[in-house]
All heavy atoms as atom14 arrays in JSON, in Angstrom:
{
  "sequence": "LGLLKGDADRLIADGAYRDFYMHRAGHWLGIDVHDAGSYLDRDKPRR",
  "atom14_mask": [
    [1, 1, 1, 1, 1, 1, 1, 1, 0, 0, 0, 0, 0, 0],
    [1, 1, 1, 1, 0, 0, 0, 0, 0, 0, 0, 0, 0, 0],
    [1, 1, 1, 1, 1, 1, 1, 1, 0, 0, 0, 0, 0, 0],
    [1, 1, 1, 1, 1, 1, 1, 1, 0, 0, 0, 0, 0, 0],
    [1, 1, 1, 1, 1, 1, 1, 1, 1, 0, 0, 0, 0, 0],
    [1, 1, 1, 1, 0, 0, 0, 0, 0, 0, 0, 0, 0, 0],
    [1, 1, 1, 1, 1, 1, 1, 1, 0, 0, 0, 0, 0, 0],
    [1, 1, 1, 1, 1, 0, 0, 0, 0, 0, 0, 0, 0, 0],
    [1, 1, 1, 1, 1, 1, 1, 1, 0, 0, 0, 0, 0, 0],
    [1, 1, 1, 1, 1, 1, 1, 1, 1, 1, 1, 0, 0, 0],
    [1, 1, 1, 1, 1, 1, 1, 1, 0, 0, 0, 0, 0, 0],
    [1, 1, 1, 1, 1, 1, 1, 1, 0, 0, 0, 0, 0, 0],
    [1, 1, 1, 1, 1, 0, 0, 0, 0, 0, 0, 0, 0, 0],
    [1, 1, 1, 1, 1, 1, 1, 1, 0, 0, 0, 0, 0, 0],
    [1, 1, 1, 1, 0, 0, 0, 0, 0, 0, 0, 0, 0, 0],
    [1, 1, 1, 1, 1, 0, 0, 0, 0, 0, 0, 0, 0, 0],
    [1, 1, 1, 1, 1, 1, 1, 1, 1, 1, 1, 1, 0, 0],
    [1, 1, 1, 1, 1, 1, 1, 1, 1, 1, 1, 0, 0, 0],
    [1, 1, 1, 1, 1, 1, 1, 1, 0, 0, 0, 0, 0, 0],
    [1, 1, 1, 1, 1, 1, 1, 1, 1, 1, 1, 0, 0, 0],
    [1, 1, 1, 1, 1, 1, 1, 1, 1, 1, 1, 1, 0, 0],
    [1, 1, 1, 1, 1, 1, 1, 1, 0, 0, 0, 0, 0, 0],
    [1, 1, 1, 1, 1, 1, 1, 1, 1, 1, 0, 0, 0, 0],
    [1, 1, 1, 1, 1, 1, 1, 1, 1, 1, 1, 0, 0, 0],
    [1, 1, 1, 1, 1, 0, 0, 0, 0, 0, 0, 0, 0, 0],
    [1, 1, 1, 1, 0, 0, 0, 0, 0, 0, 0, 0, 0, 0],
    [1, 1, 1, 1, 1, 1, 1, 1, 1, 1, 0, 0, 0, 0],
    [1, 1, 1, 1, 1, 1, 1, 1, 1, 1, 1, 1, 1, 1],
    [1, 1, 1, 1, 1, 1, 1, 1, 0, 0, 0, 0, 0, 0],
    [1, 1, 1, 1, 0, 0, 0, 0, 0, 0, 0, 0, 0, 0],
    [1, 1, 1, 1, 1, 1, 1, 1, 0, 0, 0, 0, 0, 0],
    [1, 1, 1, 1, 1, 1, 1, 1, 0, 0, 0, 0, 0, 0],
    [1, 1, 1, 1, 1, 1, 1, 0, 0, 0, 0, 0, 0, 0],
    [1, 1, 1, 1, 1, 1, 1, 1, 1, 1, 0, 0, 0, 0],
    [1, 1, 1, 1, 1, 1, 1, 1, 0, 0, 0, 0, 0, 0],
    [1, 1, 1, 1, 1, 0, 0, 0, 0, 0, 0, 0, 0, 0],
    [1, 1, 1, 1, 0, 0, 0, 0, 0, 0, 0, 0, 0, 0],
    [1, 1, 1, 1, 1, 1, 0, 0, 0, 0, 0, 0, 0, 0],
    [1, 1, 1, 1, 1, 1, 1, 1, 1, 1, 1, 1, 0, 0],
    [1, 1, 1, 1, 1, 1, 1, 1, 0, 0, 0, 0, 0, 0],
    [1, 1, 1, 1, 1, 1, 1, 1, 0, 0, 0, 0, 0, 0],
    [1, 1, 1, 1, 1, 1, 1, 1, 1, 1, 1, 0, 0, 0],
    [1, 1, 1, 1, 1, 1, 1, 1, 0, 0, 0, 0, 0, 0],
    [1, 1, 1, 1, 1, 1, 1, 1, 1, 0, 0, 0, 0, 0],
    [1, 1, 1, 1, 1, 1, 1, 0, 0, 0, 0, 0, 0, 0],
    [1, 1, 1, 1, 1, 1, 1, 1, 1, 1, 1, 0, 0, 0],
    [1, 1, 1, 1, 1, 1, 1, 1, 1, 1, 1, 0, 0, 0]
  ],
  "atom14_positions": [
    [[-9.66, 17.57, 5.71], [-10.64, 18.21, 4.63], [-12.1, 17.72, 4.96], [-12.97, 18.21, 4.35], [-10.21, 17.74, 3.31], [-8.96, 18.35, 2.71], [-8.73, 17.84, 1.31], [-8.91, 19.86, 2.76], [0.0, 0.0, 0.0], [0.0, 0.0, 0.0], [0.0, 0.0, 0.0], [0.0, 0.0, 0.0], [0.0, 0.0, 0.0], [0.0, 0.0, 0.0]],
    [[-12.23, 16.88, 5.92], [-13.57, 16.36, 6.37], [-14.14, 15.23, 5.49], [-15.28, 14.91, 5.66], [0.0, 0.0, 0.0], [0.0, 0.0, 0.0], [0.0, 0.0, 0.0], [0.0, 0.0, 0.0], [0.0, 0.0, 0.0], [0.0, 0.0, 0.0], [0.0, 0.0, 0.0], [0.0, 0.0, 0.0], [0.0, 0.0, 0.0], [0.0, 0.0, 0.0]],
    [[-13.23, 14.66, 4.58], [-13.72, 13.64, 3.86], [-13.74, 12.24, 4.61], [-14.49, 11.32, 4.28], [-12.87, 13.41, 2.55], [-13.34, 14.3, 1.44], [-12.83, 15.7, 1.58], [-12.74, 13.84, 0.01], [0.0, 0.0, 0.0], [0.0, 0.0, 0.0], [0.0, 0.0, 0.0], [0.0, 0.0, 0.0], [0.0, 0.0, 0.0], [0.0, 0.0, 0.0]],
    [[-12.91, 12.23, 5.67], [-12.89, 11.11, 6.53], [-13.17, 11.71, 7.93], [-12.63, 12.84, 8.3], [-11.62, 10.31, 6.63], [-11.34, 9.27, 5.38], [-10.03, 8.67, 5.5], [-12.49, 8.22, 5.38], [0.0, 0.0, 0.0], [0.0, 0.0, 0.0], [0.0, 0.0, 0.0], [0.0, 0.0, 0.0], [0.0, 0.0, 0.0], [0.0, 0.0, 0.0]],
    [[-13.73, 10.91, 8.89], [-14.02, 11.39, 10.23], [-13.61, 10.32, 11.2], [-13.95, 9.2, 10.94], [-15.51, 11.82, 10.39], [-16.02, 12.99, 9.56], [-17.36, 13.29, 9.73], [-17.84, 14.58, 9.04], [-17.56, 14.41, 7.64], [0.0, 0.0, 0.0], [0.0, 0.0, 0.0], [0.0, 0.0, 0.0], [0.0, 0.0, 0.0], [0.0, 0.0, 0.0]],
    [[-12.89, 10.8, 12.33], [-12.47, 9.81, 13.3], [-10.95, 9.82, 13.58], [-10.31, 10.69, 13.1], [0.0, 0.0, 0.0], [0.0, 0.0, 0.0], [0.0, 0.0, 0.0], [0.0, 0.0, 0.0], [0.0, 0.0, 0.0], [0.0, 0.0, 0.0], [0.0, 0.0, 0.0], [0.0, 0.0, 0.0], [0.0, 0.0, 0.0], [0.0, 0.0, 0.0]],
    [[-10.52, 8.89, 14.34], [-9.17, 8.82, 14.75], [-8.35, 8.2, 13.61], [-8.78, 7.21, 13.03], [-9.05, 7.88, 15.98], [-7.6, 7.68, 16.3], [-6.95, 8.63, 16.87], [-7.09, 6.48, 16.06], [0.0, 0.0, 0.0], [0.0, 0.0, 0.0], [0.0, 0.0, 0.0], [0.0, 0.0, 0.0], [0.0, 0.0, 0.0], [0.0, 0.0, 0.0]],
    [[-7.26, 8.81, 13.26], [-6.43, 8.39, 12.12], [-5.94, 7.0, 12.21], [-6.06, 6.19, 11.28], [-5.28, 9.31, 11.83], [0.0, 0.0, 0.0], [0.0, 0.0, 0.0], [0.0, 0.0, 0.0], [0.0, 0.0, 0.0], [0.0, 0.0, 0.0], [0.0, 0.0, 0.0], [0.0, 0.0, 0.0], [0.0, 0.0, 0.0], [0.0, 0.0, 0.0]],
    [[-5.42, 6.6, 13.4], [-4.94, 5.22, 13.64], [-6.0, 4.2, 13.41], [-5.94, 3.15, 12.81], [-4.33, 5.14, 15.03], [-3.05, 5.9, 15.15], [-2.46, 6.21, 14.12], [-2.6, 6.25, 16.28], [0.0, 0.0, 0.0], [0.0, 0.0, 0.0], [0.0, 0.0, 0.0], [0.0, 0.0, 0.0], [0.0, 0.0, 0.0], [0.0, 0.0, 0.0]],
    [[-7.24, 4.46, 13.92], [-8.42, 3.58, 13.79], [-8.87, 3.48, 12.27], [-9.05, 2.39, 11.76], [-9.58, 4.01, 14.69], [-10.75, 3.3, 14.43], [-10.61, 1.74, 14.67], [-10.11, 1.49, 15.92], [-9.59, 0.17, 16.28], [-9.79, -0.79, 15.34], [-9.13, -0.09, 17.48], [0.0, 0.0, 0.0], [0.0, 0.0, 0.0], [0.0, 0.0, 0.0]],
    [[-8.87, 4.65, 11.66], [-9.23, 4.69, 10.16], [-8.25, 3.78, 9.43], [-8.68, 3.09, 8.41], [-9.38, 6.04, 9.74], [-10.41, 6.91, 10.3], [-10.3, 8.36, 9.93], [-11.85, 6.44, 9.8], [0.0, 0.0, 0.0], [0.0, 0.0, 0.0], [0.0, 0.0, 0.0], [0.0, 0.0, 0.0], [0.0, 0.0, 0.0], [0.0, 0.0, 0.0]],
    [[-6.94, 3.95, 9.73], [-5.99, 3.13, 8.96], [-6.16, 1.71, 9.3], [-6.16, 0.9, 8.34], [-4.58, 3.68, 9.34], [-4.32, 4.98, 8.76], [-3.47, 2.64, 8.67], [-2.97, 5.76, 9.2], [0.0, 0.0, 0.0], [0.0, 0.0, 0.0], [0.0, 0.0, 0.0], [0.0, 0.0, 0.0], [0.0, 0.0, 0.0], [0.0, 0.0, 0.0]],
    [[-6.3, 1.26, 10.54], [-6.47, -0.11, 10.9], [-7.7, -0.7, 10.27], [-7.72, -1.91, 9.86], [-6.51, -0.17, 12.48], [0.0, 0.0, 0.0], [0.0, 0.0, 0.0], [0.0, 0.0, 0.0], [0.0, 0.0, 0.0], [0.0, 0.0, 0.0], [0.0, 0.0, 0.0], [0.0, 0.0, 0.0], [0.0, 0.0, 0.0], [0.0, 0.0, 0.0]],
    [[-8.71, 0.07, 10.12], [-10.1, -0.32, 9.5], [-9.96, -0.32, 8.0], [-10.96, -0.75, 7.33], [-11.14, 0.44, 10.02], [-11.52, 0.2, 11.48], [-10.92, -0.79, 12.05], [-12.14, 1.05, 12.18], [0.0, 0.0, 0.0], [0.0, 0.0, 0.0], [0.0, 0.0, 0.0], [0.0, 0.0, 0.0], [0.0, 0.0, 0.0], [0.0, 0.0, 0.0]],
    [[-8.95, 0.3, 7.43], [-8.83, 0.44, 5.96], [-9.85, 1.38, 5.36], [-10.26, 1.34, 4.19], [0.0, 0.0, 0.0], [0.0, 0.0, 0.0], [0.0, 0.0, 0.0], [0.0, 0.0, 0.0], [0.0, 0.0, 0.0], [0.0, 0.0, 0.0], [0.0, 0.0, 0.0], [0.0, 0.0, 0.0], [0.0, 0.0, 0.0], [0.0, 0.0, 0.0]],
    [[-10.32, 2.33, 6.15], [-11.28, 3.36, 5.71], [-10.82, 4.28, 4.55], [-11.52, 4.59, 3.67], [-11.78, 4.3, 6.86], [0.0, 0.0, 0.0], [0.0, 0.0, 0.0], [0.0, 0.0, 0.0], [0.0, 0.0, 0.0], [0.0, 0.0, 0.0], [0.0, 0.0, 0.0], [0.0, 0.0, 0.0], [0.0, 0.0, 0.0], [0.0, 0.0, 0.0]],
    [[-9.44, 4.39, 4.54], [-8.82, 5.17, 3.46], [-9.03, 4.54, 2.08], [-8.9, 5.24, 1.08], [-7.29, 5.39, 3.78], [-6.57, 4.1, 3.77], [-6.03, 3.62, 2.57], [-6.36, 3.38, 4.97], [-5.35, 2.38, 2.6], [-5.61, 2.15, 4.91], [-5.09, 1.72, 3.72], [-4.45, 0.49, 3.7], [0.0, 0.0, 0.0], [0.0, 0.0, 0.0]],
    [[-9.28, 3.26, 2.05], [-9.25, 2.53, 0.79], [-10.56, 3.01, -0.05], [-10.58, 2.71, -1.22], [-9.44, 1.07, 0.98], [-8.14, 0.4, 1.56], [-8.11, -1.01, 1.45], [-6.92, -1.61, 2.01], [-6.88, -2.2, 3.26], [-8.06, -2.17, 4.02], [-5.79, -2.58, 3.76], [0.0, 0.0, 0.0], [0.0, 0.0, 0.0], [0.0, 0.0, 0.0]],
    [[-11.48, 3.64, 0.5], [-12.49, 4.31, -0.31], [-11.97, 5.35, -1.25], [-12.51, 5.65, -2.39], [-13.66, 4.93, 0.55], [-14.49, 3.92, 1.16], [-14.57, 2.71, 0.8], [-15.33, 4.26, 2.11], [0.0, 0.0, 0.0], [0.0, 0.0, 0.0], [0.0, 0.0, 0.0], [0.0, 0.0, 0.0], [0.0, 0.0, 0.0], [0.0, 0.0, 0.0]],
    [[-10.81, 5.87, -0.88], [-10.2, 6.99, -1.69], [-8.84, 6.6, -2.26], [-8.39, 7.25, -3.26], [-9.99, 8.26, -0.73], [-11.28, 8.63, -0.21], [-11.65, 8.36, 1.16], [-12.15, 9.59, -0.82], [-12.8, 8.76, 1.72], [-13.28, 10.01, -0.2], [-13.58, 9.47, 1.04], [0.0, 0.0, 0.0], [0.0, 0.0, 0.0], [0.0, 0.0, 0.0]],
    [[-8.13, 5.63, -1.72], [-6.88, 5.16, -2.07], [-6.74, 3.68, -1.97], [-6.48, 3.13, -0.88], [-5.92, 5.96, -1.15], [-4.39, 5.57, -1.28], [-3.96, 5.3, -2.57], [-3.45, 5.61, -0.29], [-2.56, 5.07, -2.8], [-2.21, 5.34, -0.39], [-1.63, 5.01, -1.73], [-0.32, 4.8, -1.91], [0.0, 0.0, 0.0], [0.0, 0.0, 0.0]],
    [[-7.0, 3.01, -3.03], [-7.2, 1.51, -3.06], [-6.0, 0.71, -3.63], [-6.13, -0.48, -3.84], [-8.5, 1.21, -3.74], [-8.58, 1.64, -5.2], [-8.67, 3.4, -5.51], [-10.25, 3.91, -4.75], [0.0, 0.0, 0.0], [0.0, 0.0, 0.0], [0.0, 0.0, 0.0], [0.0, 0.0, 0.0], [0.0, 0.0, 0.0], [0.0, 0.0, 0.0]],
    [[-4.92, 1.38, -4.0], [-3.79, 0.58, -4.55], [-2.49, 0.83, -3.8], [-2.38, 1.67, -2.82], [-3.59, 0.98, -6.04], [-3.3, 2.46, -6.24], [-2.05, 2.99, -6.1], [-4.18, 3.53, -6.66], [-2.08, 4.35, -6.3], [-3.27, 4.61, -6.73], [0.0, 0.0, 0.0], [0.0, 0.0, 0.0], [0.0, 0.0, 0.0], [0.0, 0.0, 0.0]],
    [[-1.57, 0.05, -4.09], [-0.21, 0.13, -3.49], [0.58, 1.31, -4.02], [0.18, 1.87, -5.1], [0.74, -1.07, -3.7], [0.11, -2.45, -3.29], [0.01, -2.52, -1.81], [1.33, -2.47, -1.1], [1.47, -2.76, 0.24], [0.36, -3.16, 0.92], [2.56, -2.48, 0.82], [0.0, 0.0, 0.0], [0.0, 0.0, 0.0], [0.0, 0.0, 0.0]],
    [[1.57, 1.83, -3.31], [2.21, 3.03, -3.72], [3.37, 2.8, -4.61], [4.02, 3.82, -5.14], [2.77, 3.81, -2.5], [0.0, 0.0, 0.0], [0.0, 0.0, 0.0], [0.0, 0.0, 0.0], [0.0, 0.0, 0.0], [0.0, 0.0, 0.0], [0.0, 0.0, 0.0], [0.0, 0.0, 0.0], [0.0, 0.0, 0.0], [0.0, 0.0, 0.0]],
    [[3.66, 1.63, -5.12], [4.73, 1.33, -6.01], [4.95, -0.04, -6.43], [4.35, -0.96, -5.8], [0.0, 0.0, 0.0], [0.0, 0.0, 0.0], [0.0, 0.0, 0.0], [0.0, 0.0, 0.0], [0.0, 0.0, 0.0], [0.0, 0.0, 0.0], [0.0, 0.0, 0.0], [0.0, 0.0, 0.0], [0.0, 0.0, 0.0], [0.0, 0.0, 0.0]],
    [[5.84, -0.22, -7.43], [6.21, -1.54, -7.87], [7.59, -1.48, -8.56], [8.08, -0.41, -8.88], [5.19, -2.0, -8.96], [4.97, -1.08, -10.14], [5.83, -0.95, -11.12], [3.96, -0.16, -10.29], [5.33, 0.02, -12.0], [4.23, 0.46, -11.48], [0.0, 0.0, 0.0], [0.0, 0.0, 0.0], [0.0, 0.0, 0.0], [0.0, 0.0, 0.0]],
    [[8.25, -2.61, -8.71], [9.55, -2.6, -9.37], [9.44, -2.23, -10.79], [8.35, -2.39, -11.44], [10.18, -4.04, -9.27], [10.26, -4.64, -7.99], [10.04, -6.02, -7.72], [10.97, -4.2, -6.73], [10.4, -6.28, -6.43], [10.89, -5.16, -5.84], [11.39, -2.92, -6.46], [11.43, -4.95, -4.56], [11.89, -2.7, -5.12], [11.87, -3.65, -4.13]],
    [[10.52, -1.62, -11.27], [10.47, -1.18, -12.75], [11.76, -1.58, -13.41], [12.81, -1.63, -12.76], [10.26, 0.36, -12.68], [10.16, 1.1, -14.13], [8.84, 0.73, -14.62], [10.39, 2.55, -13.86], [0.0, 0.0, 0.0], [0.0, 0.0, 0.0], [0.0, 0.0, 0.0], [0.0, 0.0, 0.0], [0.0, 0.0, 0.0], [0.0, 0.0, 0.0]],
    [[11.65, -1.97, -14.68], [12.82, -2.38, -15.46], [12.5, -2.71, -16.79], [11.97, -1.86, -17.5], [0.0, 0.0, 0.0], [0.0, 0.0, 0.0], [0.0, 0.0, 0.0], [0.0, 0.0, 0.0], [0.0, 0.0, 0.0], [0.0, 0.0, 0.0], [0.0, 0.0, 0.0], [0.0, 0.0, 0.0], [0.0, 0.0, 0.0], [0.0, 0.0, 0.0]],
    [[12.78, -3.85, -17.28], [12.58, -4.44, -18.63], [10.95, -4.44, -18.77], [10.42, -4.18, -19.74], [13.28, -5.73, -19.02], [14.72, -5.5, -19.05], [12.78, -6.2, -20.24], [15.52, -6.79, -19.45], [0.0, 0.0, 0.0], [0.0, 0.0, 0.0], [0.0, 0.0, 0.0], [0.0, 0.0, 0.0], [0.0, 0.0, 0.0], [0.0, 0.0, 0.0]],
    [[10.32, -4.89, -17.72], [8.89, -4.87, -17.65], [8.46, -3.69, -16.77], [9.09, -3.28, -15.83], [8.39, -6.24, -16.97], [8.69, -7.34, -17.93], [8.33, -7.25, -19.13], [9.07, -8.42, -17.48], [0.0, 0.0, 0.0], [0.0, 0.0, 0.0], [0.0, 0.0, 0.0], [0.0, 0.0, 0.0], [0.0, 0.0, 0.0], [0.0, 0.0, 0.0]],
    [[7.25, -3.25, -17.03], [6.79, -2.05, -16.22], [6.54, -2.58, -14.89], [6.92, -1.95, -13.93], [5.42, -1.55, -16.89], [4.83, -0.43, -15.99], [5.68, -1.09, -18.28], [0.0, 0.0, 0.0], [0.0, 0.0, 0.0], [0.0, 0.0, 0.0], [0.0, 0.0, 0.0], [0.0, 0.0, 0.0], [0.0, 0.0, 0.0], [0.0, 0.0, 0.0]],
    [[5.75, -3.65, -14.68], [5.75, -4.26, -13.32], [6.8, -5.37, -13.39], [6.67, -6.54, -13.84], [4.46, -4.96, -13.06], [3.3, -3.81, -13.07], [2.32, -3.74, -13.93], [3.05, -2.87, -12.12], [1.47, -2.71, -13.66], [1.97, -2.26, -12.51], [0.0, 0.0, 0.0], [0.0, 0.0, 0.0], [0.0, 0.0, 0.0], [0.0, 0.0, 0.0]],
    [[8.1, -5.0, -13.0], [9.2, -5.78, -13.23], [9.47, -7.03, -12.34], [8.79, -7.14, -11.37], [10.47, -4.86, -13.19], [11.6, -5.4, -13.95], [11.31, -5.94, -15.14], [12.74, -5.25, -13.6], [0.0, 0.0, 0.0], [0.0, 0.0, 0.0], [0.0, 0.0, 0.0], [0.0, 0.0, 0.0], [0.0, 0.0, 0.0], [0.0, 0.0, 0.0]],
    [[10.29, -7.78, -12.78], [10.58, -9.03, -12.05], [11.22, -8.78, -10.77], [11.92, -7.77, -10.56], [11.54, -9.98, -12.95], [0.0, 0.0, 0.0], [0.0, 0.0, 0.0], [0.0, 0.0, 0.0], [0.0, 0.0, 0.0], [0.0, 0.0, 0.0], [0.0, 0.0, 0.0], [0.0, 0.0, 0.0], [0.0, 0.0, 0.0], [0.0, 0.0, 0.0]],
    [[11.11, -9.73, -9.8], [11.77, -9.68, -8.51], [10.71, -9.77, -7.26], [9.69, -9.22, -7.47], [0.0, 0.0, 0.0], [0.0, 0.0, 0.0], [0.0, 0.0, 0.0], [0.0, 0.0, 0.0], [0.0, 0.0, 0.0], [0.0, 0.0, 0.0], [0.0, 0.0, 0.0], [0.0, 0.0, 0.0], [0.0, 0.0, 0.0], [0.0, 0.0, 0.0]],
    [[11.16, -10.54, -6.35], [10.35, -10.77, -5.2], [10.29, -9.57, -4.24], [11.22, -8.82, -4.17], [10.81, -11.9, -4.35], [10.09, -12.16, -3.22], [0.0, 0.0, 0.0], [0.0, 0.0, 0.0], [0.0, 0.0, 0.0], [0.0, 0.0, 0.0], [0.0, 0.0, 0.0], [0.0, 0.0, 0.0], [0.0, 0.0, 0.0], [0.0, 0.0, 0.0]],
    [[9.11, -9.33, -3.69], [8.85, -8.27, -2.7], [9.1, -8.85, -1.31], [9.04, -8.0, -0.4], [7.45, -7.76, -2.8], [7.27, -6.94, -4.18], [6.67, -7.56, -5.23], [7.55, -5.56, -4.25], [6.4, -7.0, -6.47], [7.41, -4.96, -5.45], [6.81, -5.62, -6.57], [6.57, -4.93, -7.79], [0.0, 0.0, 0.0], [0.0, 0.0, 0.0]],
    [[9.38, -10.15, -1.2], [9.53, -10.67, 0.15], [10.87, -11.34, 0.37], [11.53, -11.76, -0.59], [8.41, -11.72, 0.35], [6.96, -11.27, 0.29], [6.08, -12.47, 0.41], [6.61, -10.25, 1.36], [0.0, 0.0, 0.0], [0.0, 0.0, 0.0], [0.0, 0.0, 0.0], [0.0, 0.0, 0.0], [0.0, 0.0, 0.0], [0.0, 0.0, 0.0]],
    [[11.31, -11.49, 1.6], [12.5, -12.19, 2.05], [12.17, -12.98, 3.22], [11.9, -12.32, 4.26], [13.63, -11.18, 2.3], [14.92, -11.98, 2.71], [14.95, -13.18, 2.52], [15.77, -11.22, 3.19], [0.0, 0.0, 0.0], [0.0, 0.0, 0.0], [0.0, 0.0, 0.0], [0.0, 0.0, 0.0], [0.0, 0.0, 0.0], [0.0, 0.0, 0.0]],
    [[12.06, -14.3, 3.0], [11.66, -15.15, 4.18], [10.21, -14.66, 4.76], [10.04, -14.63, 5.9], [12.7, -15.15, 5.28], [13.91, -15.76, 4.84], [14.87, -15.78, 6.02], [16.17, -16.34, 5.77], [17.23, -15.61, 5.31], [17.08, -14.21, 5.2], [18.34, -16.11, 4.96], [0.0, 0.0, 0.0], [0.0, 0.0, 0.0], [0.0, 0.0, 0.0]],
    [[9.41, -14.45, 3.66], [7.89, -14.11, 4.1], [7.81, -12.73, 4.74], [6.71, -12.39, 5.12], [7.27, -15.15, 4.86], [7.14, -16.46, 4.25], [6.99, -16.45, 2.97], [7.24, -17.51, 4.82], [0.0, 0.0, 0.0], [0.0, 0.0, 0.0], [0.0, 0.0, 0.0], [0.0, 0.0, 0.0], [0.0, 0.0, 0.0], [0.0, 0.0, 0.0]],
    [[8.88, -11.88, 4.77], [8.76, -10.57, 5.32], [9.13, -9.55, 4.2], [9.85, -9.87, 3.29], [9.74, -10.36, 6.45], [9.35, -11.25, 7.78], [10.32, -10.98, 8.79], [9.95, -11.7, 10.13], [10.87, -11.51, 11.19], [0.0, 0.0, 0.0], [0.0, 0.0, 0.0], [0.0, 0.0, 0.0], [0.0, 0.0, 0.0], [0.0, 0.0, 0.0]],
    [[8.63, -8.25, 4.32], [8.96, -7.38, 3.21], [10.47, -7.19, 3.12], [11.16, -6.94, 4.13], [8.24, -6.05, 3.78], [7.2, -6.63, 4.58], [7.63, -7.78, 5.29], [0.0, 0.0, 0.0], [0.0, 0.0, 0.0], [0.0, 0.0, 0.0], [0.0, 0.0, 0.0], [0.0, 0.0, 0.0], [0.0, 0.0, 0.0], [0.0, 0.0, 0.0]],
    [[11.01, -7.41, 1.93], [12.39, -7.32, 1.74], [12.91, -5.85, 1.93], [12.13, -4.93, 1.67], [12.95, -7.85, 0.39], [12.62, -6.98, -0.75], [12.97, -7.75, -2.06], [14.45, -7.97, -2.06], [14.97, -8.97, -2.81], [14.17, -9.58, -3.75], [16.27, -9.16, -2.95], [0.0, 0.0, 0.0], [0.0, 0.0, 0.0], [0.0, 0.0, 0.0]],
    [[14.15, -5.61, 2.19], [14.59, -4.19, 2.44], [15.24, -3.75, 1.14], [15.83, -4.54, 0.37], [15.64, -4.23, 3.45], [14.97, -4.6, 4.85], [15.89, -4.48, 6.1], [15.15, -4.82, 7.28], [14.41, -3.83, 7.93], [14.31, -2.53, 7.61], [13.75, -4.31, 9.06], [0.0, 0.0, 0.0], [0.0, 0.0, 0.0], [0.0, 0.0, 0.0]]
  ]
}
């Protein structure tokens, strides 16, 4: 659409998209809206 200009991989690496999209795409849900539970397993993103 022309709102960003340049190579996509470079723009992603530089975080240029954050001018338009500045939050994560999701979170755990349950009894709490941002529910309990770790997002990591041995310091790596859990599966």
